[in-house]
């Protein structure tokens, strides 16, 4: 099973890939998303998005500033105001 993950800024698409899990810094706390997650929308705070490519792997960390996260039929989309690096 794989989760489709997209990371987007107002300028461009940063990532579009199949992953195992993503942990997002939500405005009310971190939340993890796996394939099949219920539809969900949240604002995000400045912090690290953690991308787990496979089960049990070490996460890749991507620093983001502000934005929104949406979980839907097509997976997880994070629209960040700014992505570091």
Protein backbone atom coordinates (compact mmCIF):
# COMPACT_ATOMS: atom_id res chain seq x y z
CA UNK A 1 0.00 0.00 0.00
CA UNK A 2 1.23 3.47 -0.83
CA UNK A 3 0.10 7.00 -0.10
CA UNK A 4 0.28 9.56 -2.91
CA UNK A 5 2.01 12.65 -1.47
CA UNK A 6 2.31 16.06 -3.09
CA UNK A 7 4.15 19.07 -1.68
CA UNK A 8 3.30 22.33 -3.43
CA UNK A 9 4.19 26.00 -2.98
CA UNK A 10 2.48 28.93 -4.67
CA UNK A 11 5.40 28.90 -7.14
CA UNK A 12 5.79 25.21 -8.08
CA UNK A 13 5.26 21.53 -7.40
CA UNK A 14 8.09 20.39 -5.10
CA UNK A 15 7.23 16.69 -4.71
CA UNK A 16 4.81 14.16 -6.18
CA UNK A 17 5.52 10.59 -5.12
CA UNK A 18 4.24 7.39 -3.55
CA UNK A 19 5.30 6.99 0.10
CA UNK A 20 4.44 4.89 3.14
CA UNK A 21 3.54 7.67 5.60
CA UNK A 22 3.84 11.43 6.12
CA UNK A 23 3.80 13.27 9.46
CA UNK A 24 2.60 16.87 9.14
CA UNK A 25 3.05 19.72 11.67
CA UNK A 26 -0.62 20.65 12.04
CA UNK A 27 -1.68 23.86 13.73
CA UNK A 28 -3.17 21.82 16.60
CA UNK A 29 -0.41 19.20 16.70
CA UNK A 30 1.38 16.75 14.46
CA UNK A 31 -0.64 14.15 12.57
CA UNK A 32 0.37 11.13 10.54
CA UNK A 33 -1.23 10.11 7.26
CA UNK A 34 -1.23 6.61 5.76
CA UNK A 35 -3.05 5.34 2.67
CA UNK A 36 -6.79 5.10 3.34
CA UNK A 37 -6.85 7.97 5.86
CA UNK A 38 -10.26 9.63 6.27
CA UNK A 39 -10.72 12.94 4.43
CA UNK A 40 -9.22 15.71 6.52
CA UNK A 41 -8.08 19.32 6.20
CA UNK A 42 -5.83 21.32 8.53
CA UNK A 43 -3.74 24.45 8.62
CA UNK A 44 -0.07 23.76 9.22
CA UNK A 45 2.44 25.56 11.38
CA UNK A 46 6.10 26.20 10.71
CA UNK A 47 7.96 22.94 11.21
CA UNK A 48 9.14 19.70 9.68
CA UNK A 49 7.16 17.45 7.37
CA UNK A 50 8.50 13.92 7.88
CA UNK A 51 8.31 11.62 4.85
CA UNK A 52 8.67 7.86 5.39
CA UNK A 53 9.34 6.23 2.01
CA UNK A 54 8.83 2.69 3.36
CA UNK A 55 7.63 1.10 6.59
CA UNK A 56 10.38 1.18 9.19
CA UNK A 57 12.60 3.59 7.24
CA UNK A 58 14.14 6.73 8.70
CA UNK A 59 12.14 9.83 7.77
CA UNK A 60 13.25 12.48 5.32
CA UNK A 61 12.62 15.90 6.87
CA UNK A 62 11.39 18.88 4.85
CA UNK A 63 11.10 22.26 6.62
CA UNK A 64 7.95 24.20 5.73
CA UNK A 65 6.46 27.53 6.75
CA UNK A 66 2.69 27.90 6.99
CA UNK A 67 0.01 26.58 4.69
CA UNK A 68 -2.62 23.86 4.51
CA UNK A 69 -2.77 20.07 4.33
CA UNK A 70 -5.59 18.14 2.70
CA UNK A 71 -6.19 14.40 2.76
CA UNK A 72 -8.61 13.21 0.09
CA UNK A 73 -9.27 10.41 -2.39
CA UNK A 74 -6.04 11.22 -4.23
CA UNK A 75 -3.83 11.12 -1.12
CA UNK A 76 -2.17 13.93 0.84
CA UNK A 77 -1.49 17.38 -0.56
CA UNK A 78 0.51 19.90 1.46
CA UNK A 79 0.31 23.48 0.17
CA UNK A 80 3.11 25.28 1.98
CA UNK A 81 3.69 29.02 1.89
CA UNK A 82 7.45 28.34 1.80
CA UNK A 83 9.71 25.26 1.69
CA UNK A 84 13.29 25.52 2.97
CA UNK A 85 16.01 24.49 0.54
